[in-house]
Amino acid sequence: MTIVVHAGAAITSGSTAAFVAGASGSFAITTSGAPSANLSLSGSLPKGLTFSTTGGTGTISGTARKAQIGSSTVVVHASNGVGDPDAQVLTVVVGTLPKLSAAARVSVLRGGSLAVTVSAKGSPTPTITASGLEGWQRATGGLSGGLTISGAAPSGGPPRVITLTLSATNLLGTTTRTLLVRIR
């Protein structure tokens, strides 16, 4: 005797698909349920992207054009004849990877003031962070593509170099860079 269990279709993949403009990419749309779901898409994908399905899985793939930078929404539909169909709003983001702009090295005199500005470009706008800061160093900003590292250097002690790691992150990825702070 064979027992067959049926379950309604449900979309199990995330609700945001991110593509780097001008680069080939793909996003998998996954489902659960038995039998396998039939998938469809309503709405328009950015130019250069296509939708395909096979066996309860869908794929959005292609190379989004640079002119398509921004976000749009489509609706993914899944049904398998068991229970109610499922639908999910999918946000499709086309953007650029973050790029950091900062000096590679800065110097500050013992007891002097440090002020370093770090900027980043990318779409969506990246958030910037700094790690490796010492107690006298402070990082402010960072949420809209700009960060300032400031503080008063210790007045005593030997000359030395502090290595900071700068990171710019958006939905499409993270870029890191090293900043050397030399205390003279």
C-alpha atoms as a PDB file:
ATOM      1  CA  MET A   1       0.000   0.000   0.000  1.00  0.00           C
ATOM      2  CA  THR A   2       1.294   3.445  -0.941  1.00  0.00           C
ATOM      3  CA  ILE A   3       0.258   6.544   0.941  1.00  0.00           C
ATOM      4  CA  VAL A   4       0.513   9.801  -0.987  1.00  0.00           C
ATOM      5  CA  VAL A   5       0.563  13.005   1.033  1.00  0.00           C
ATOM      6  CA  HIS A   6      -0.333  16.215  -0.750  1.00  0.00           C
ATOM      7  CA  ALA A   7       0.571  19.657   0.536  1.00  0.00           C
ATOM      8  CA  GLY A   8      -0.258  23.084  -0.835  1.00  0.00           C
ATOM      9  CA  ALA A   9       2.367  25.072  -2.699  1.00  0.00           C
ATOM     10  CA  ALA A  10       4.367  27.618  -0.717  1.00  0.00           C
ATOM     11  CA  ILE A  11       7.101  29.969  -1.920  1.00  0.00           C
ATOM     12  CA  THR A  12      10.166  29.494   0.296  1.00  0.00           C
ATOM     13  CA  SER A  13      12.752  31.800  -1.299  1.00  0.00           C
ATOM     14  CA  GLY A  14      13.560  35.326  -0.168  1.00  0.00           C
ATOM     15  CA  SER A  15      11.592  38.403  -1.129  1.00  0.00           C
ATOM     16  CA  THR A  16      14.497  40.384  -2.657  1.00  0.00           C
ATOM     17  CA  ALA A  17      16.511  39.510  -5.760  1.00  0.00           C
ATOM     18  CA  ALA A  18      19.668  41.596  -6.315  1.00  0.00           C
ATOM     19  CA  PHE A  19      21.559  41.978  -9.587  1.00  0.00           C
ATOM     20  CA  VAL A  20      24.747  43.900 -10.376  1.00  0.00           C
ATOM     21  CA  ALA A  21      24.127  46.106 -13.417  1.00  0.00           C
ATOM     22  CA  GLY A  22      26.103  44.935 -16.433  1.00  0.00           C
ATOM     23  CA  ALA A  23      27.012  41.548 -14.879  1.00  0.00           C
ATOM     24  CA  SER A  24      25.409  38.164 -15.393  1.00  0.00           C
ATOM     25  CA  GLY A  25      23.435  36.939 -12.399  1.00  0.00           C
ATOM     26  CA  SER A  26      20.602  34.711 -11.252  1.00  0.00           C
ATOM     27  CA  PHE A  27      18.078  34.343  -8.431  1.00  0.00           C
ATOM     28  CA  ALA A  28      16.413  31.015  -7.555  1.00  0.00           C
ATOM     29  CA  ILE A  29      12.743  30.925  -6.610  1.00  0.00           C
ATOM     30  CA  THR A  30      12.077  27.852  -4.474  1.00  0.00           C
ATOM     31  CA  THR A  31       8.843  26.239  -3.327  1.00  0.00           C
ATOM     32  CA  SER A  32       7.590  23.479  -1.083  1.00  0.00           C
ATOM     33  CA  GLY A  33       4.505  21.300  -1.460  1.00  0.00           C
ATOM     34  CA  ALA A  34       3.458  18.138  -3.209  1.00  0.00           C
ATOM     35  CA  PRO A  35       2.972  17.795  -6.066  1.00  0.00           C
ATOM     36  CA  SER A  36       5.560  20.317  -7.309  1.00  0.00           C
ATOM     37  CA  ALA A  37       4.251  23.816  -7.832  1.00  0.00           C
ATOM     38  CA  ASN A  38       3.609  25.523 -11.124  1.00  0.00           C
ATOM     39  CA  LEU A  39       5.156  28.978 -11.017  1.00  0.00           C
ATOM     40  CA  SER A  40       4.240  32.148 -12.844  1.00  0.00           C
ATOM     41  CA  LEU A  41       5.255  35.770 -12.637  1.00  0.00           C
ATOM     42  CA  SER A  42       3.143  38.905 -12.994  1.00  0.00           C
ATOM     43  CA  GLY A  43       4.710  42.273 -13.637  1.00  0.00           C
ATOM     44  CA  SER A  44       7.722  43.306 -15.686  1.00  0.00           C
ATOM     45  CA  LEU A  45      11.316  42.393 -14.968  1.00  0.00           C
ATOM     46  CA  PRO A  46      14.072  44.928 -15.675  1.00  0.00           C
ATOM     47  CA  LYS A  47      15.387  44.750 -19.244  1.00  0.00           C
ATOM     48  CA  GLY A  48      17.972  42.004 -19.687  1.00  0.00           C
ATOM     49  CA  LEU A  49      16.398  39.640 -17.107  1.00  0.00           C
ATOM     50  CA  THR A  50      14.191  36.647 -17.898  1.00  0.00           C
ATOM     51  CA  PHE A  51      12.077  34.180 -15.896  1.00  0.00           C
ATOM     52  CA  SER A  52      12.075  30.396 -16.403  1.00  0.00           C
ATOM     53  CA  THR A  53      10.628  27.456 -14.463  1.00  0.00           C
ATOM     54  CA  THR A  54      11.211  23.744 -14.079  1.00  0.00           C
ATOM     55  CA  GLY A  55       9.858  21.253 -11.527  1.00  0.00           C
ATOM     56  CA  GLY A  56       8.640  23.666  -8.843  1.00  0.00           C
ATOM     57  CA  THR A  57      11.683  25.942  -9.106  1.00  0.00           C
ATOM     58  CA  GLY A  58      11.948  29.237 -10.921  1.00  0.00           C
ATOM     59  CA  THR A  59      14.941  31.265 -11.984  1.00  0.00           C
ATOM     60  CA  ILE A  60      15.317  34.926 -12.805  1.00  0.00           C
ATOM     61  CA  SER A  61      18.547  35.330 -14.728  1.00  0.00           C
ATOM     62  CA  GLY A  62      20.415  37.436 -17.217  1.00  0.00           C
ATOM     63  CA  THR A  63      22.379  40.655 -17.357  1.00  0.00           C
ATOM     64  CA  ALA A  64      20.484  43.699 -16.134  1.00  0.00           C
ATOM     65  CA  ARG A  65      21.338  46.826 -18.052  1.00  0.00           C
ATOM     66  CA  LYS A  66      23.015  49.777 -16.353  1.00  0.00           C
ATOM     67  CA  ALA A  67      20.096  51.960 -17.430  1.00  0.00           C
ATOM     68  CA  GLN A  68      17.880  49.760 -15.218  1.00  0.00           C
ATOM     69  CA  ILE A  69      19.506  50.734 -11.883  1.00  0.00           C
ATOM     70  CA  GLY A  70      16.834  50.950  -9.201  1.00  0.00           C
ATOM     71  CA  SER A  71      14.185  48.631  -7.829  1.00  0.00           C
ATOM     72  CA  SER A  72      10.942  47.220  -9.151  1.00  0.00           C
ATOM     73  CA  THR A  73       8.456  44.646  -7.952  1.00  0.00           C
ATOM     74  CA  VAL A  74       6.897  41.587  -9.512  1.00  0.00           C
ATOM     75  CA  VAL A  75       4.578  38.995  -7.996  1.00  0.00           C
ATOM     76  CA  VAL A  76       5.524  35.310  -7.973  1.00  0.00           C
ATOM     77  CA  HIS A  77       2.580  32.898  -8.012  1.00  0.00           C
ATOM     78  CA  ALA A  78       2.770  29.205  -7.023  1.00  0.00           C
ATOM     79  CA  SER A  79      -0.002  26.638  -7.282  1.00  0.00           C
ATOM     80  CA  ASN A  80      -0.221  22.860  -7.382  1.00  0.00           C
ATOM     81  CA  GLY A  81      -3.966  22.159  -7.155  1.00  0.00           C
ATOM     82  CA  VAL A  82      -3.839  21.505  -3.402  1.00  0.00           C
ATOM     83  CA  GLY A  83      -5.208  24.225  -1.142  1.00  0.00           C
ATOM     84  CA  ASP A  84      -4.924  27.895  -1.958  1.00  0.00           C
ATOM     85  CA  PRO A  85      -2.240  29.183  -4.325  1.00  0.00           C
ATOM     86  CA  ASP A  86       0.626  31.163  -2.787  1.00  0.00           C
ATOM     87  CA  ALA A  87       1.845  34.574  -3.935  1.00  0.00           C
ATOM     88  CA  GLN A  88       4.876  36.619  -2.938  1.00  0.00           C
ATOM     89  CA  VAL A  89       5.882  40.157  -3.827  1.00  0.00           C
ATOM     90  CA  LEU A  90       9.472  40.032  -5.055  1.00  0.00           C
ATOM     91  CA  THR A  91      11.572  43.195  -5.074  1.00  0.00           C
ATOM     92  CA  VAL A  92      14.110  43.112  -7.900  1.00  0.00           C
ATOM     93  CA  VAL A  93      17.060  45.427  -7.251  1.00  0.00           C
ATOM     94  CA  VAL A  94      19.548  46.355  -9.955  1.00  0.00           C
ATOM     95  CA  GLY A  95      22.539  48.268  -8.633  1.00  0.00           C
ATOM     96  CA  THR A  96      26.283  48.644  -8.389  1.00  0.00           C
ATOM     97  CA  LEU A  97      28.843  47.255  -5.967  1.00  0.00           C
ATOM     98  CA  PRO A  98      30.207  49.697  -3.380  1.00  0.00           C
ATOM     99  CA  LYS A  99      33.448  51.559  -4.075  1.00  0.00           C
ATOM    100  CA  LEU A 100      35.414  53.125  -1.222  1.00  0.00           C
ATOM    101  CA  SER A 101      37.260  56.403  -1.494  1.00  0.00           C
ATOM    102  CA  ALA A 102      39.770  57.140   1.251  1.00  0.00           C
ATOM    103  CA  ALA A 103      43.437  57.839   1.779  1.00  0.00           C
ATOM    104  CA  ALA A 104      45.585  54.729   2.200  1.00  0.00           C
ATOM    105  CA  ARG A 105      47.755  56.420   4.877  1.00  0.00           C
ATOM    106  CA  VAL A 106      47.410  59.387   7.186  1.00  0.00           C
ATOM    107  CA  SER A 107      49.729  60.820   9.821  1.00  0.00           C
ATOM    108  CA  VAL A 108      48.955  62.600  13.060  1.00  0.00           C
ATOM    109  CA  LEU A 109      51.336  64.118  15.601  1.00  0.00           C
ATOM    110  CA  ARG A 110      51.267  62.810  19.167  1.00  0.00           C
ATOM    111  CA  GLY A 111      48.627  64.896  20.928  1.00  0.00           C
ATOM    112  CA  GLY A 112      47.328  66.189  17.570  1.00  0.00           C
ATOM    113  CA  SER A 113      43.877  65.926  16.055  1.00  0.00           C
ATOM    114  CA  LEU A 114      42.916  63.278  13.538  1.00  0.00           C
ATOM    115  CA  ALA A 115      40.154  63.886  10.981  1.00  0.00           C
ATOM    116  CA  VAL A 116      39.764  61.487   8.058  1.00  0.00           C
ATOM    117  CA  THR A 117      36.785  61.451   5.701  1.00  0.00           C
ATOM    118  CA  VAL A 118      35.818  58.212   3.989  1.00  0.00           C
ATOM    119  CA  SER A 119      33.214  58.095   1.238  1.00  0.00           C
ATOM    120  CA  ALA A 120      31.626  55.343  -0.802  1.00  0.00           C
ATOM    121  CA  LYS A 121      29.558  55.159  -3.951  1.00  0.00           C
ATOM    122  CA  GLY A 122      27.207  52.427  -5.010  1.00  0.00           C
ATOM    123  CA  SER A 123      23.560  51.695  -5.580  1.00  0.00           C
ATOM    124  CA  PRO A 124      21.843  51.142  -3.236  1.00  0.00           C
ATOM    125  CA  THR A 125      23.835  53.646  -1.167  1.00  0.00           C
ATOM    126  CA  PRO A 126      26.404  51.748   0.920  1.00  0.00           C
ATOM    127  CA  THR A 127      26.891  51.865   4.664  1.00  0.00           C
ATOM    128  CA  ILE A 128      30.494  52.437   5.766  1.00  0.00           C
ATOM    129  CA  THR A 129      32.099  50.950   8.878  1.00  0.00           C
ATOM    130  CA  ALA A 130      35.587  51.051  10.403  1.00  0.00           C
ATOM    131  CA  SER A 131      37.128  48.337  12.569  1.00  0.00           C
ATOM    132  CA  GLY A 132      40.338  48.303  14.571  1.00  0.00           C
ATOM    133  CA  LEU A 133      39.684  51.715  16.126  1.00  0.00           C
ATOM    134  CA  GLU A 134      41.477  52.519  19.360  1.00  0.00           C
ATOM    135  CA  GLY A 135      39.771  54.184  22.315  1.00  0.00           C
ATOM    136  CA  TRP A 136      40.787  57.695  21.225  1.00  0.00           C
ATOM    137  CA  GLN A 137      39.407  57.244  17.706  1.00  0.00           C
ATOM    138  CA  ARG A 138      35.732  57.781  16.917  1.00  0.00           C
ATOM    139  CA  ALA A 139      33.813  56.926  13.732  1.00  0.00           C
ATOM    140  CA  THR A 140      30.687  58.961  12.984  1.00  0.00           C
ATOM    141  CA  GLY A 141      28.225  58.791  10.125  1.00  0.00           C
ATOM    142  CA  GLY A 142      28.473  55.824   7.811  1.00  0.00           C
ATOM    143  CA  LEU A 143      24.799  55.394   6.927  1.00  0.00           C
ATOM    144  CA  SER A 144      24.612  57.469   3.751  1.00  0.00           C
ATOM    145  CA  GLY A 145      27.901  56.880   1.998  1.00  0.00           C
ATOM    146  CA  GLY A 146      30.097  59.034   4.290  1.00  0.00           C
ATOM    147  CA  LEU A 147      32.110  58.329   7.464  1.00  0.00           C
ATOM    148  CA  THR A 148      34.449  60.515   9.524  1.00  0.00           C
ATOM    149  CA  ILE A 149      37.175  59.083  11.756  1.00  0.00           C
ATOM    150  CA  SER A 150      38.352  61.609  14.317  1.00  0.00           C
ATOM    151  CA  GLY A 151      39.983  62.008  17.697  1.00  0.00           C
ATOM    152  CA  ALA A 152      42.937  63.366  19.633  1.00  0.00           C
ATOM    153  CA  ALA A 153      46.013  61.154  19.338  1.00  0.00           C
ATOM    154  CA  PRO A 154      47.723  60.121  22.598  1.00  0.00           C
ATOM    155  CA  SER A 155      50.387  62.608  23.615  1.00  0.00           C
ATOM    156  CA  GLY A 156      52.806  60.019  24.991  1.00  0.00           C
ATOM    157  CA  GLY A 157      54.357  56.812  23.776  1.00  0.00           C
ATOM    158  CA  PRO A 158      56.546  55.920  20.831  1.00  0.00           C
ATOM    159  CA  PRO A 159      55.620  56.519  17.186  1.00  0.00           C
ATOM    160  CA  ARG A 160      53.496  53.701  15.806  1.00  0.00           C
ATOM    161  CA  VAL A 161      51.085  52.666  13.066  1.00  0.00           C
ATOM    162  CA  ILE A 162      47.454  51.624  13.609  1.00  0.00           C
ATOM    163  CA  THR A 163      45.799  49.502  10.928  1.00  0.00           C
ATOM    164  CA  LEU A 164      42.103  50.180  10.379  1.00  0.00           C
ATOM    165  CA  THR A 165      39.814  48.168   8.119  1.00  0.00           C
ATOM    166  CA  LEU A 166      37.209  50.174   6.216  1.00  0.00           C
ATOM    167  CA  SER A 167      34.169  48.411   4.752  1.00  0.00           C
ATOM    168  CA  ALA A 168      31.403  49.638   2.450  1.00  0.00           C
ATOM    169  CA  THR A 169      28.366  47.364   2.228  1.00  0.00           C
ATOM    170  CA  ASN A 170      25.143  47.404   0.259  1.00  0.00           C
ATOM    171  CA  LEU A 171      22.657  44.747  -0.835  1.00  0.00           C
ATOM    172  CA  LEU A 172      25.020  43.623  -3.612  1.00  0.00           C
ATOM    173  CA  GLY A 173      28.198  43.122  -1.616  1.00  0.00           C
ATOM    174  CA  THR A 174      31.012  44.473   0.519  1.00  0.00           C
ATOM    175  CA  THR A 175      34.256  46.213  -0.411  1.00  0.00           C
ATOM    176  CA  THR A 176      37.100  46.567   2.109  1.00  0.00           C
ATOM    177  CA  ARG A 177      40.206  48.682   2.265  1.00  0.00           C
ATOM    178  CA  THR A 178      43.004  49.250   4.766  1.00  0.00           C
ATOM    179  CA  LEU A 179      43.772  52.646   6.266  1.00  0.00           C
ATOM    180  CA  LEU A 180      47.107  53.105   8.051  1.00  0.00           C
ATOM    181  CA  VAL A 181      47.145  55.779  10.764  1.00  0.00           C
ATOM    182  CA  ARG A 182      50.702  56.752  11.697  1.00  0.00           C
ATOM    183  CA  ILE A 183      51.263  58.489  15.019  1.00  0.00           C
ATOM    184  CA  ARG A 184      54.503  60.549  14.895  1.00  0.00           C
END
